[in-house]
N, C-alpha and C. Protein backbone atom coordinates (compact mmCIF):
# COMPACT_ATOMS: atom_id res chain seq x y z
N MET A 1 -14.11 34.89 8.26
CA MET A 1 -13.67 35.04 6.88
C MET A 1 -12.92 33.79 6.44
N ASN A 2 -13.32 33.26 5.29
CA ASN A 2 -12.71 32.05 4.76
C ASN A 2 -11.39 32.40 4.09
N LEU A 3 -10.29 31.84 4.60
CA LEU A 3 -8.98 32.16 4.06
C LEU A 3 -8.40 31.01 3.25
N GLN A 4 -9.24 30.06 2.81
CA GLN A 4 -8.72 28.92 2.08
C GLN A 4 -8.15 29.33 0.74
N THR A 5 -8.74 30.31 0.12
CA THR A 5 -8.23 30.82 -1.15
C THR A 5 -7.84 32.26 -0.94
N LYS A 6 -6.58 32.58 -1.11
CA LYS A 6 -6.12 33.93 -0.82
C LYS A 6 -5.16 34.39 -1.90
N LEU A 7 -5.35 35.59 -2.37
CA LEU A 7 -4.50 36.19 -3.38
C LEU A 7 -3.89 37.44 -2.79
N THR A 8 -2.58 37.60 -2.95
CA THR A 8 -1.89 38.76 -2.39
C THR A 8 -1.59 39.77 -3.49
N LEU A 9 -1.97 41.03 -3.23
CA LEU A 9 -1.72 42.11 -4.17
C LEU A 9 -1.05 43.25 -3.42
N SER A 10 -0.09 43.90 -4.05
CA SER A 10 0.57 45.05 -3.44
C SER A 10 0.33 46.27 -4.30
N LEU A 11 -0.09 47.37 -3.68
CA LEU A 11 -0.25 48.63 -4.38
C LEU A 11 0.71 49.63 -3.78
N LEU A 12 1.84 49.87 -4.43
CA LEU A 12 2.85 50.79 -3.93
C LEU A 12 2.62 52.15 -4.55
N VAL A 13 1.58 52.82 -4.08
CA VAL A 13 1.21 54.13 -4.59
C VAL A 13 1.22 55.13 -3.44
N LEU A 14 0.87 56.37 -3.73
CA LEU A 14 1.01 57.43 -2.74
C LEU A 14 -0.23 57.56 -1.86
N ILE A 15 -0.82 56.41 -1.46
CA ILE A 15 -2.06 56.46 -0.72
C ILE A 15 -2.06 55.44 0.40
N SER A 16 -2.97 55.62 1.35
CA SER A 16 -3.30 54.60 2.33
C SER A 16 -4.69 54.88 2.82
N PHE A 17 -5.42 53.84 3.26
CA PHE A 17 -6.74 54.09 3.78
C PHE A 17 -7.12 53.03 4.79
N ILE A 18 -8.23 53.28 5.48
CA ILE A 18 -8.75 52.33 6.45
C ILE A 18 -10.24 52.17 6.22
N SER A 19 -10.75 50.97 6.27
CA SER A 19 -12.17 50.75 6.05
C SER A 19 -12.93 50.83 7.36
N SER A 20 -14.24 50.70 7.26
CA SER A 20 -15.06 50.80 8.45
C SER A 20 -15.19 49.47 9.17
N CYS A 21 -14.43 48.46 8.72
CA CYS A 21 -14.55 47.14 9.31
C CYS A 21 -13.48 46.92 10.38
N THR A 22 -13.32 45.68 10.79
CA THR A 22 -12.43 45.35 11.89
C THR A 22 -11.00 45.78 11.62
N THR A 23 -10.33 46.33 12.63
CA THR A 23 -8.93 46.69 12.51
C THR A 23 -8.14 46.00 13.61
N ILE A 24 -7.02 45.37 13.23
CA ILE A 24 -6.19 44.64 14.17
C ILE A 24 -4.76 45.10 14.03
N PRO A 25 -4.13 45.67 15.07
CA PRO A 25 -2.73 46.09 14.94
C PRO A 25 -1.83 44.89 14.66
N GLN A 26 -0.88 45.07 13.74
CA GLN A 26 0.10 44.04 13.42
C GLN A 26 1.49 44.59 13.62
N SER A 27 2.42 43.72 13.95
CA SER A 27 3.81 44.13 14.06
C SER A 27 4.46 44.06 12.70
N THR A 28 5.37 44.99 12.42
CA THR A 28 6.11 44.98 11.17
C THR A 28 7.59 44.89 11.48
N SER A 29 8.39 44.68 10.44
CA SER A 29 9.83 44.50 10.64
C SER A 29 10.48 45.76 11.21
N ASP A 30 9.88 46.92 10.95
CA ASP A 30 10.46 48.15 11.48
C ASP A 30 9.81 48.53 12.81
N HIS A 31 9.07 47.60 13.39
CA HIS A 31 8.49 47.74 14.72
C HIS A 31 7.39 48.78 14.81
N GLU A 32 6.84 49.22 13.68
CA GLU A 32 5.72 50.12 13.71
C GLU A 32 4.43 49.32 13.78
N SER A 33 3.40 49.90 14.37
CA SER A 33 2.11 49.26 14.40
C SER A 33 1.47 49.36 13.01
N ARG A 34 1.01 48.24 12.48
CA ARG A 34 0.41 48.22 11.15
C ARG A 34 -0.98 47.61 11.27
N LEU A 35 -1.97 48.25 10.68
CA LEU A 35 -3.34 47.79 10.80
C LEU A 35 -3.66 46.68 9.82
N LEU A 36 -4.49 45.76 10.25
CA LEU A 36 -5.06 44.75 9.38
C LEU A 36 -6.55 45.04 9.28
N ILE A 37 -7.02 45.32 8.07
CA ILE A 37 -8.42 45.62 7.82
C ILE A 37 -9.08 44.38 7.23
N GLU A 38 -10.20 43.96 7.80
CA GLU A 38 -10.91 42.79 7.29
C GLU A 38 -12.29 43.20 6.80
N LYS A 39 -12.59 42.83 5.54
CA LYS A 39 -13.89 43.14 4.94
C LYS A 39 -14.42 41.86 4.29
N SER A 40 -15.66 41.55 4.56
CA SER A 40 -16.26 40.35 3.98
C SER A 40 -17.59 40.71 3.33
N PHE A 41 -17.71 40.39 2.02
CA PHE A 41 -18.93 40.68 1.27
C PHE A 41 -19.74 39.42 0.96
N GLY A 42 -19.17 38.24 1.21
CA GLY A 42 -19.86 37.01 0.87
C GLY A 42 -18.97 35.80 1.07
N ASN A 43 -19.04 34.86 0.15
CA ASN A 43 -18.29 33.61 0.26
C ASN A 43 -17.42 33.37 -0.97
N GLY A 44 -16.79 34.42 -1.45
CA GLY A 44 -15.93 34.29 -2.62
C GLY A 44 -14.49 34.00 -2.22
N ILE A 45 -13.55 34.61 -2.93
CA ILE A 45 -12.14 34.43 -2.60
C ILE A 45 -11.66 35.63 -1.78
N VAL A 46 -10.57 35.46 -1.09
CA VAL A 46 -10.02 36.52 -0.26
C VAL A 46 -8.86 37.18 -1.00
N LEU A 47 -8.95 38.48 -1.17
CA LEU A 47 -7.87 39.26 -1.75
C LEU A 47 -7.11 39.93 -0.62
N GLU A 48 -5.80 39.86 -0.65
CA GLU A 48 -4.98 40.49 0.37
C GLU A 48 -4.22 41.66 -0.25
N PHE A 49 -4.45 42.85 0.29
CA PHE A 49 -3.82 44.06 -0.21
C PHE A 49 -2.80 44.57 0.81
N HIS A 50 -1.69 45.10 0.31
CA HIS A 50 -0.69 45.75 1.14
C HIS A 50 -0.57 47.21 0.67
N PHE A 51 -0.92 48.14 1.53
CA PHE A 51 -0.92 49.56 1.18
C PHE A 51 0.25 50.26 1.85
N GLU A 52 1.06 50.90 1.04
CA GLU A 52 2.25 51.60 1.53
C GLU A 52 2.08 53.11 1.37
N LYS A 53 2.18 53.82 2.46
CA LYS A 53 2.06 55.27 2.43
C LYS A 53 3.28 55.89 1.77
N GLY A 54 3.07 56.76 0.79
CA GLY A 54 4.17 57.47 0.15
C GLY A 54 4.45 58.80 0.85
N LYS A 55 5.56 59.40 0.55
CA LYS A 55 5.95 60.61 1.26
C LYS A 55 5.06 61.80 0.92
N HIS A 56 4.33 61.73 -0.20
CA HIS A 56 3.44 62.83 -0.57
C HIS A 56 1.98 62.53 -0.25
N HIS A 57 1.74 61.52 0.54
CA HIS A 57 0.37 61.18 0.94
C HIS A 57 -0.29 62.37 1.62
N ASN A 58 -1.48 62.76 1.12
CA ASN A 58 -2.17 63.92 1.70
C ASN A 58 -3.67 63.83 1.42
N HIS A 59 -4.36 62.98 2.16
CA HIS A 59 -5.81 62.85 2.08
C HIS A 59 -6.32 62.57 0.65
N PRO A 60 -5.82 61.52 0.00
CA PRO A 60 -6.30 61.22 -1.35
C PRO A 60 -7.70 60.62 -1.34
N SER A 61 -8.39 60.76 -2.45
CA SER A 61 -9.63 60.01 -2.70
C SER A 61 -9.28 58.84 -3.60
N PHE A 62 -9.88 57.68 -3.36
CA PHE A 62 -9.63 56.56 -4.26
C PHE A 62 -10.68 55.47 -4.10
N ALA A 63 -10.75 54.63 -5.12
CA ALA A 63 -11.67 53.49 -5.13
C ALA A 63 -10.91 52.27 -5.65
N ILE A 64 -11.28 51.10 -5.12
CA ILE A 64 -10.71 49.82 -5.56
C ILE A 64 -11.86 48.94 -6.04
N TRP A 65 -11.72 48.32 -7.19
CA TRP A 65 -12.78 47.46 -7.68
C TRP A 65 -12.22 46.34 -8.56
N ILE A 66 -13.10 45.40 -8.92
CA ILE A 66 -12.74 44.23 -9.72
C ILE A 66 -13.53 44.27 -11.02
N GLU A 67 -12.86 43.97 -12.14
CA GLU A 67 -13.50 43.90 -13.44
C GLU A 67 -13.16 42.59 -14.14
N SER A 68 -14.00 42.20 -15.07
CA SER A 68 -13.66 41.10 -15.96
C SER A 68 -12.61 41.58 -16.95
N LEU A 69 -11.99 40.65 -17.67
CA LEU A 69 -11.00 41.04 -18.68
C LEU A 69 -11.64 41.86 -19.80
N GLU A 70 -12.97 41.72 -19.96
CA GLU A 70 -13.67 42.48 -21.00
C GLU A 70 -14.09 43.86 -20.51
N GLY A 71 -13.80 44.17 -19.25
CA GLY A 71 -14.11 45.49 -18.73
C GLY A 71 -15.43 45.61 -18.01
N GLU A 72 -16.11 44.48 -17.76
CA GLU A 72 -17.37 44.53 -17.02
C GLU A 72 -17.08 44.62 -15.52
N LEU A 73 -17.65 45.59 -14.84
CA LEU A 73 -17.42 45.76 -13.42
C LEU A 73 -18.07 44.63 -12.65
N ILE A 74 -17.28 43.93 -11.82
CA ILE A 74 -17.78 42.80 -11.04
C ILE A 74 -18.16 43.23 -9.64
N GLN A 75 -17.27 43.96 -8.96
CA GLN A 75 -17.57 44.36 -7.59
C GLN A 75 -16.65 45.49 -7.14
N THR A 76 -17.24 46.47 -6.47
CA THR A 76 -16.45 47.48 -5.76
C THR A 76 -15.97 46.89 -4.45
N ILE A 77 -14.72 47.15 -4.11
CA ILE A 77 -14.14 46.69 -2.85
C ILE A 77 -14.10 47.81 -1.81
N TYR A 78 -13.74 49.01 -2.25
CA TYR A 78 -13.58 50.11 -1.30
C TYR A 78 -13.63 51.45 -2.01
N VAL A 79 -14.19 52.45 -1.34
CA VAL A 79 -14.14 53.84 -1.81
C VAL A 79 -14.01 54.74 -0.59
N THR A 80 -13.21 55.77 -0.69
CA THR A 80 -12.98 56.63 0.46
C THR A 80 -14.27 57.32 0.90
N GLN A 81 -14.33 57.58 2.20
CA GLN A 81 -15.57 58.02 2.85
C GLN A 81 -16.09 59.34 2.30
N SER A 82 -15.20 60.27 1.99
CA SER A 82 -15.67 61.57 1.50
C SER A 82 -16.44 61.43 0.19
N VAL A 83 -15.93 60.61 -0.73
CA VAL A 83 -16.62 60.39 -1.99
C VAL A 83 -17.91 59.60 -1.76
N ALA A 84 -17.86 58.62 -0.87
CA ALA A 84 -19.01 57.75 -0.62
C ALA A 84 -20.17 58.46 0.05
N THR A 85 -19.88 59.56 0.75
CA THR A 85 -20.93 60.28 1.49
C THR A 85 -21.21 61.67 0.96
N GLY A 86 -20.32 62.20 0.11
CA GLY A 86 -20.48 63.57 -0.34
C GLY A 86 -20.23 64.59 0.74
N TYR A 87 -19.50 64.17 1.77
CA TYR A 87 -19.20 65.07 2.90
C TYR A 87 -17.69 65.11 3.07
N TYR A 88 -17.10 66.30 2.87
CA TYR A 88 -15.65 66.44 2.81
C TYR A 88 -15.14 67.25 3.99
N ALA A 89 -13.87 67.01 4.32
CA ALA A 89 -13.23 67.77 5.40
C ALA A 89 -13.16 69.26 5.04
N TYR A 90 -13.12 69.55 3.73
CA TYR A 90 -13.15 70.92 3.26
C TYR A 90 -14.37 71.06 2.35
N GLY A 91 -15.29 71.93 2.73
CA GLY A 91 -16.54 72.06 2.00
C GLY A 91 -16.39 72.79 0.68
N ASP A 92 -17.52 72.97 -0.01
CA ASP A 92 -17.55 73.54 -1.36
C ASP A 92 -18.40 74.80 -1.38
N PRO A 93 -17.77 75.99 -1.49
CA PRO A 93 -18.54 77.23 -1.58
C PRO A 93 -19.07 77.52 -2.99
N ARG A 94 -18.89 76.55 -3.92
CA ARG A 94 -19.39 76.63 -5.29
C ARG A 94 -18.66 77.66 -6.14
N ASP A 95 -17.44 78.01 -5.78
CA ASP A 95 -16.68 78.96 -6.59
C ASP A 95 -15.30 78.44 -6.96
N GLY A 96 -15.08 77.12 -6.77
CA GLY A 96 -13.79 76.53 -7.10
C GLY A 96 -12.79 76.61 -5.97
N SER A 97 -13.15 77.20 -4.86
CA SER A 97 -12.25 77.26 -3.71
C SER A 97 -12.67 76.22 -2.68
N TRP A 98 -12.05 76.27 -1.50
CA TRP A 98 -12.33 75.29 -0.45
C TRP A 98 -12.77 76.02 0.82
N LEU A 99 -13.82 75.50 1.45
CA LEU A 99 -14.16 75.96 2.79
C LEU A 99 -13.24 75.27 3.78
N LYS A 100 -12.81 75.96 4.79
CA LYS A 100 -11.88 75.38 5.76
C LYS A 100 -12.62 74.71 6.91
N VAL A 101 -13.84 74.26 6.64
CA VAL A 101 -14.64 73.51 7.61
C VAL A 101 -15.30 72.35 6.89
N PRO A 102 -15.59 71.24 7.58
CA PRO A 102 -16.29 70.12 6.94
C PRO A 102 -17.67 70.55 6.47
N ASP A 103 -18.06 70.03 5.30
CA ASP A 103 -19.35 70.43 4.73
C ASP A 103 -19.65 69.53 3.54
N PRO A 104 -20.93 69.34 3.20
CA PRO A 104 -21.24 68.61 1.97
C PRO A 104 -20.63 69.29 0.75
N ALA A 105 -20.25 68.49 -0.23
CA ALA A 105 -19.65 69.03 -1.45
C ALA A 105 -19.90 68.06 -2.60
N ALA A 106 -20.07 68.60 -3.77
CA ALA A 106 -20.19 67.80 -4.99
C ALA A 106 -18.89 67.92 -5.76
N ARG A 107 -18.13 66.83 -5.83
CA ARG A 107 -16.83 66.86 -6.48
C ARG A 107 -16.74 65.74 -7.53
N PRO A 108 -17.36 65.93 -8.70
CA PRO A 108 -17.35 64.88 -9.73
C PRO A 108 -15.97 64.56 -10.27
N ALA A 109 -15.00 65.48 -10.11
CA ALA A 109 -13.64 65.24 -10.61
C ALA A 109 -12.82 64.39 -9.65
N SER A 110 -13.39 64.04 -8.50
CA SER A 110 -12.62 63.26 -7.52
C SER A 110 -12.27 61.89 -8.07
N LEU A 111 -13.26 61.11 -8.47
CA LEU A 111 -13.05 59.77 -9.04
C LEU A 111 -14.01 59.59 -10.22
N PRO A 112 -13.81 60.32 -11.31
CA PRO A 112 -14.81 60.34 -12.38
C PRO A 112 -15.06 59.00 -13.04
N TYR A 113 -14.02 58.19 -13.22
CA TYR A 113 -14.20 56.91 -13.91
C TYR A 113 -15.03 55.95 -13.07
N TRP A 114 -14.63 55.78 -11.80
CA TRP A 114 -15.40 54.86 -10.95
C TRP A 114 -16.82 55.38 -10.71
N LEU A 115 -16.99 56.68 -10.49
CA LEU A 115 -18.32 57.22 -10.27
C LEU A 115 -19.25 56.96 -11.45
N HIS A 116 -18.70 56.97 -12.65
CA HIS A 116 -19.51 56.72 -13.84
C HIS A 116 -19.88 55.25 -13.99
N ARG A 117 -19.03 54.35 -13.51
CA ARG A 117 -19.22 52.93 -13.78
C ARG A 117 -19.74 52.11 -12.60
N ARG A 118 -19.75 52.65 -11.43
CA ARG A 118 -20.01 51.88 -10.20
C ARG A 118 -21.32 51.10 -10.27
N GLU A 119 -21.31 49.96 -9.58
CA GLU A 119 -22.49 49.09 -9.53
C GLU A 119 -23.31 49.31 -8.27
N ILE A 120 -22.79 50.06 -7.31
CA ILE A 120 -23.53 50.37 -6.08
C ILE A 120 -24.02 51.81 -6.16
N GLY A 121 -25.25 52.05 -5.71
CA GLY A 121 -25.82 53.37 -5.88
C GLY A 121 -26.26 53.55 -7.33
N VAL A 122 -26.24 54.77 -7.80
CA VAL A 122 -26.66 55.09 -9.17
C VAL A 122 -25.46 55.58 -9.95
N ALA A 123 -25.05 54.84 -10.97
CA ALA A 123 -23.89 55.22 -11.77
C ALA A 123 -24.10 56.60 -12.37
N GLY A 124 -23.06 57.44 -12.29
CA GLY A 124 -23.14 58.77 -12.85
C GLY A 124 -23.74 59.80 -11.91
N GLN A 125 -24.32 59.36 -10.80
CA GLN A 125 -24.90 60.28 -9.82
C GLN A 125 -24.01 60.33 -8.59
N LEU A 126 -23.68 61.52 -8.14
CA LEU A 126 -22.79 61.65 -7.00
C LEU A 126 -23.49 61.26 -5.71
N PRO A 127 -22.84 60.46 -4.87
CA PRO A 127 -23.39 60.22 -3.53
C PRO A 127 -23.45 61.53 -2.76
N ASP A 128 -24.40 61.65 -1.85
CA ASP A 128 -24.49 62.84 -1.01
C ASP A 128 -24.93 62.40 0.38
N PRO A 129 -24.92 63.31 1.35
CA PRO A 129 -25.26 62.92 2.73
C PRO A 129 -26.63 62.26 2.86
N ASP A 130 -27.57 62.58 1.96
CA ASP A 130 -28.90 61.96 2.01
C ASP A 130 -28.94 60.63 1.26
N ASN A 131 -27.97 60.40 0.39
CA ASN A 131 -27.92 59.17 -0.41
C ASN A 131 -26.48 58.65 -0.46
N PRO A 132 -25.93 58.26 0.70
CA PRO A 132 -24.55 57.77 0.73
C PRO A 132 -24.47 56.32 0.27
N LEU A 133 -23.25 55.87 0.00
CA LEU A 133 -23.04 54.46 -0.29
C LEU A 133 -23.10 53.66 1.00
N PRO A 134 -23.40 52.36 0.94
CA PRO A 134 -23.42 51.53 2.15
C PRO A 134 -22.09 51.56 2.89
N ASP A 135 -22.15 51.53 4.22
CA ASP A 135 -20.94 51.59 5.05
C ASP A 135 -19.95 50.47 4.74
N ALA A 136 -20.46 49.32 4.27
CA ALA A 136 -19.59 48.17 4.03
C ALA A 136 -18.51 48.47 3.01
N TYR A 137 -18.73 49.45 2.16
CA TYR A 137 -17.79 49.72 1.07
C TYR A 137 -16.82 50.86 1.38
N THR A 138 -16.92 51.45 2.53
CA THR A 138 -16.18 52.69 2.73
C THR A 138 -15.55 52.78 4.11
N GLY A 139 -14.82 53.86 4.34
CA GLY A 139 -14.18 54.13 5.62
C GLY A 139 -13.34 55.38 5.50
N ALA A 140 -12.91 55.90 6.64
CA ALA A 140 -12.13 57.14 6.66
C ALA A 140 -10.71 56.90 6.14
N THR A 141 -10.10 57.95 5.59
CA THR A 141 -8.71 57.86 5.14
C THR A 141 -7.79 57.73 6.35
N HIS A 142 -6.83 56.81 6.25
CA HIS A 142 -5.90 56.59 7.35
C HIS A 142 -4.55 57.25 7.02
N THR A 143 -3.72 57.42 8.02
CA THR A 143 -2.45 58.14 7.83
C THR A 143 -1.23 57.23 7.83
N ALA A 144 -1.41 55.91 7.91
CA ALA A 144 -0.28 54.99 7.96
C ALA A 144 -0.48 53.84 6.98
N SER A 145 0.59 53.12 6.69
CA SER A 145 0.50 51.93 5.85
C SER A 145 -0.32 50.85 6.56
N PHE A 146 -0.96 49.98 5.78
CA PHE A 146 -1.76 48.92 6.39
C PHE A 146 -1.99 47.79 5.40
N ASN A 147 -2.52 46.68 5.91
CA ASN A 147 -2.91 45.53 5.10
C ASN A 147 -4.42 45.39 5.13
N MET A 148 -4.99 44.81 4.09
CA MET A 148 -6.43 44.58 4.06
C MET A 148 -6.73 43.21 3.46
N LEU A 149 -7.64 42.48 4.10
CA LEU A 149 -8.18 41.24 3.56
C LEU A 149 -9.62 41.51 3.17
N ALA A 150 -9.96 41.25 1.92
CA ALA A 150 -11.31 41.50 1.43
C ALA A 150 -11.84 40.24 0.76
N GLU A 151 -12.91 39.68 1.32
CA GLU A 151 -13.53 38.49 0.73
C GLU A 151 -14.64 38.94 -0.22
N THR A 152 -14.56 38.51 -1.48
CA THR A 152 -15.51 38.94 -2.49
C THR A 152 -16.90 38.33 -2.26
N LYS A 153 -17.90 38.90 -2.93
CA LYS A 153 -19.27 38.43 -2.77
C LYS A 153 -19.42 36.97 -3.20
N GLU A 154 -18.74 36.61 -4.28
CA GLU A 154 -18.85 35.27 -4.84
C GLU A 154 -17.54 34.92 -5.53
N SER A 155 -17.46 33.69 -5.99
CA SER A 155 -16.25 33.26 -6.68
C SER A 155 -16.01 34.11 -7.92
N LEU A 156 -14.75 34.31 -8.23
CA LEU A 156 -14.38 35.12 -9.39
C LEU A 156 -13.95 34.22 -10.54
N PRO A 157 -13.97 34.73 -11.76
CA PRO A 157 -13.43 33.95 -12.88
C PRO A 157 -11.94 33.70 -12.68
N ASP A 158 -11.40 32.74 -13.39
CA ASP A 158 -9.98 32.41 -13.23
C ASP A 158 -9.08 33.60 -13.55
N ARG A 159 -9.54 34.46 -14.45
CA ARG A 159 -8.76 35.65 -14.81
C ARG A 159 -9.64 36.89 -14.67
N PHE A 160 -9.11 37.91 -14.04
CA PHE A 160 -9.85 39.14 -13.84
C PHE A 160 -8.86 40.27 -13.62
N LYS A 161 -9.36 41.48 -13.48
CA LYS A 161 -8.52 42.65 -13.23
C LYS A 161 -8.91 43.32 -11.92
N VAL A 162 -7.90 43.83 -11.21
CA VAL A 162 -8.12 44.68 -10.04
C VAL A 162 -7.68 46.09 -10.40
N LEU A 163 -8.54 47.07 -10.16
CA LEU A 163 -8.25 48.45 -10.54
C LEU A 163 -8.34 49.37 -9.34
N ALA A 164 -7.56 50.44 -9.38
CA ALA A 164 -7.61 51.49 -8.36
C ALA A 164 -7.57 52.84 -9.06
N GLU A 165 -8.55 53.68 -8.76
CA GLU A 165 -8.54 55.07 -9.23
C GLU A 165 -8.14 55.95 -8.06
N VAL A 166 -7.17 56.83 -8.27
CA VAL A 166 -6.60 57.63 -7.19
C VAL A 166 -6.58 59.10 -7.59
N ASN A 167 -7.01 59.95 -6.68
CA ASN A 167 -6.92 61.39 -6.92
C ASN A 167 -6.34 62.05 -5.67
N GLN A 168 -5.15 62.61 -5.82
CA GLN A 168 -4.48 63.31 -4.73
C GLN A 168 -4.74 64.81 -4.86
N PRO A 169 -5.52 65.43 -3.96
CA PRO A 169 -5.78 66.86 -4.07
C PRO A 169 -4.54 67.68 -3.75
N TRP A 170 -4.58 68.94 -4.16
CA TRP A 170 -3.51 69.90 -3.87
C TRP A 170 -2.16 69.48 -4.47
N ASP A 171 -2.17 68.71 -5.57
CA ASP A 171 -0.92 68.24 -6.16
C ASP A 171 -0.49 69.15 -7.32
N TRP A 172 -0.46 70.44 -7.07
CA TRP A 172 0.00 71.39 -8.08
C TRP A 172 1.50 71.24 -8.32
N ASN A 173 1.94 71.56 -9.52
CA ASN A 173 3.37 71.62 -9.82
C ASN A 173 3.60 72.65 -10.92
N GLY A 174 4.79 72.65 -11.51
CA GLY A 174 5.11 73.65 -12.51
C GLY A 174 4.26 73.57 -13.76
N TYR A 175 3.73 72.39 -14.07
CA TYR A 175 2.87 72.23 -15.24
C TYR A 175 1.40 72.35 -14.86
N TRP A 176 1.01 71.61 -13.80
CA TRP A 176 -0.37 71.65 -13.33
C TRP A 176 -0.49 72.78 -12.31
N THR A 177 -0.57 74.01 -12.79
CA THR A 177 -0.68 75.17 -11.91
C THR A 177 -2.14 75.41 -11.54
N ASN A 178 -2.36 76.16 -10.46
CA ASN A 178 -3.73 76.35 -10.01
C ASN A 178 -4.53 77.31 -10.89
N ASP A 179 -3.88 77.96 -11.86
CA ASP A 179 -4.61 78.81 -12.79
C ASP A 179 -4.55 78.29 -14.23
N LYS A 180 -4.18 77.01 -14.39
CA LYS A 180 -4.05 76.44 -15.74
C LYS A 180 -5.40 76.45 -16.47
N PHE A 181 -6.46 76.09 -15.75
CA PHE A 181 -7.82 76.14 -16.29
C PHE A 181 -8.65 76.97 -15.32
N GLU A 182 -8.41 78.25 -15.30
CA GLU A 182 -8.96 79.11 -14.26
C GLU A 182 -10.48 79.20 -14.28
N ASN A 183 -11.11 78.86 -15.39
CA ASN A 183 -12.57 78.91 -15.46
C ASN A 183 -13.21 77.56 -15.17
N GLU A 184 -12.41 76.56 -14.84
CA GLU A 184 -12.92 75.22 -14.54
C GLU A 184 -12.88 74.99 -13.03
N ALA A 185 -14.03 75.12 -12.39
CA ALA A 185 -14.09 74.99 -10.93
C ALA A 185 -13.66 73.60 -10.47
N GLU A 186 -14.01 72.56 -11.24
CA GLU A 186 -13.66 71.20 -10.82
C GLU A 186 -12.15 70.98 -10.85
N TYR A 187 -11.48 71.60 -11.83
CA TYR A 187 -10.02 71.49 -11.87
C TYR A 187 -9.40 72.17 -10.65
N ARG A 188 -9.94 73.29 -10.24
CA ARG A 188 -9.36 74.03 -9.13
C ARG A 188 -9.50 73.29 -7.80
N THR A 189 -10.44 72.36 -7.69
CA THR A 189 -10.57 71.58 -6.46
C THR A 189 -9.98 70.18 -6.59
N SER A 190 -9.51 69.82 -7.79
CA SER A 190 -8.95 68.49 -8.00
C SER A 190 -7.46 68.53 -8.30
N ALA A 191 -7.00 69.62 -8.96
CA ALA A 191 -5.62 69.72 -9.44
C ALA A 191 -5.37 68.67 -10.51
N GLN A 192 -4.28 67.90 -10.43
CA GLN A 192 -4.00 66.93 -11.48
C GLN A 192 -5.14 65.91 -11.57
N PRO A 193 -5.42 65.39 -12.77
CA PRO A 193 -6.51 64.42 -12.93
C PRO A 193 -6.24 63.14 -12.14
N ALA A 194 -7.33 62.43 -11.85
CA ALA A 194 -7.23 61.12 -11.20
C ALA A 194 -6.47 60.16 -12.11
N LEU A 195 -5.75 59.23 -11.48
CA LEU A 195 -5.02 58.18 -12.21
C LEU A 195 -5.67 56.83 -11.94
N ILE A 196 -5.57 55.93 -12.92
CA ILE A 196 -6.12 54.58 -12.76
C ILE A 196 -4.99 53.57 -12.89
N TYR A 197 -4.86 52.72 -11.88
CA TYR A 197 -3.89 51.62 -11.89
C TYR A 197 -4.66 50.32 -12.08
N ALA A 198 -4.09 49.39 -12.84
CA ALA A 198 -4.78 48.12 -13.10
C ALA A 198 -3.78 46.99 -13.15
N VAL A 199 -4.19 45.83 -12.67
CA VAL A 199 -3.38 44.63 -12.74
C VAL A 199 -4.25 43.46 -13.15
N GLU A 200 -3.75 42.62 -14.06
CA GLU A 200 -4.48 41.44 -14.48
C GLU A 200 -4.08 40.26 -13.61
N VAL A 201 -5.06 39.51 -13.12
CA VAL A 201 -4.81 38.41 -12.20
C VAL A 201 -5.23 37.11 -12.87
N ASP A 202 -4.37 36.09 -12.77
CA ASP A 202 -4.68 34.75 -13.27
C ASP A 202 -4.55 33.79 -12.09
N LEU A 203 -5.68 33.27 -11.62
CA LEU A 203 -5.67 32.39 -10.45
C LEU A 203 -4.97 31.07 -10.72
N ASN A 204 -4.79 30.72 -11.99
CA ASN A 204 -4.07 29.50 -12.33
C ASN A 204 -2.56 29.69 -12.32
N GLU A 205 -2.14 30.96 -12.26
CA GLU A 205 -0.71 31.26 -12.20
C GLU A 205 -0.49 32.32 -11.12
N PRO A 206 -0.68 31.96 -9.85
CA PRO A 206 -0.55 32.94 -8.77
C PRO A 206 0.88 33.44 -8.61
């Protein structure tokens, strides 16, 4: 991986994940083992991400991607394995509840924005076990904080955006109750809607 051009980004959200690529334990100031994930898609620039696990982390689904300032999707960097394969730790009995065993499931409310816009696979069509996304873009959810280096397919414009869509299941509260939309099966398996985080990057002003 070419590290001549490197941009550091920090996402301090309630998630953490691990990709299917190389993992290297790193030492941290608090003496915990921290993983370094390396992903290479081509000969572009290297983005460095720092992922910090929040106290409410609980198997979130999420995707990371790059867009132009005009909103054109440039490249997906990562999507969690359950969304990428349509195979979840808790299956779908088609009644808005959860099976307590792994099983294929169609969950369009998991990452609706990225699923609609993605450039890999078929936009708007859910991946499934027979039509998963390529392994290079995905990996299992991890339980600890970690760092990731991701080299883009090609050089990026001087200014672009990095986005993350995050959906934390089972995040009910006093407002988002499990019977708020009792006739909406997708709400009952998603709880609060997915959130989108975005940051604008200017390579001329790192």
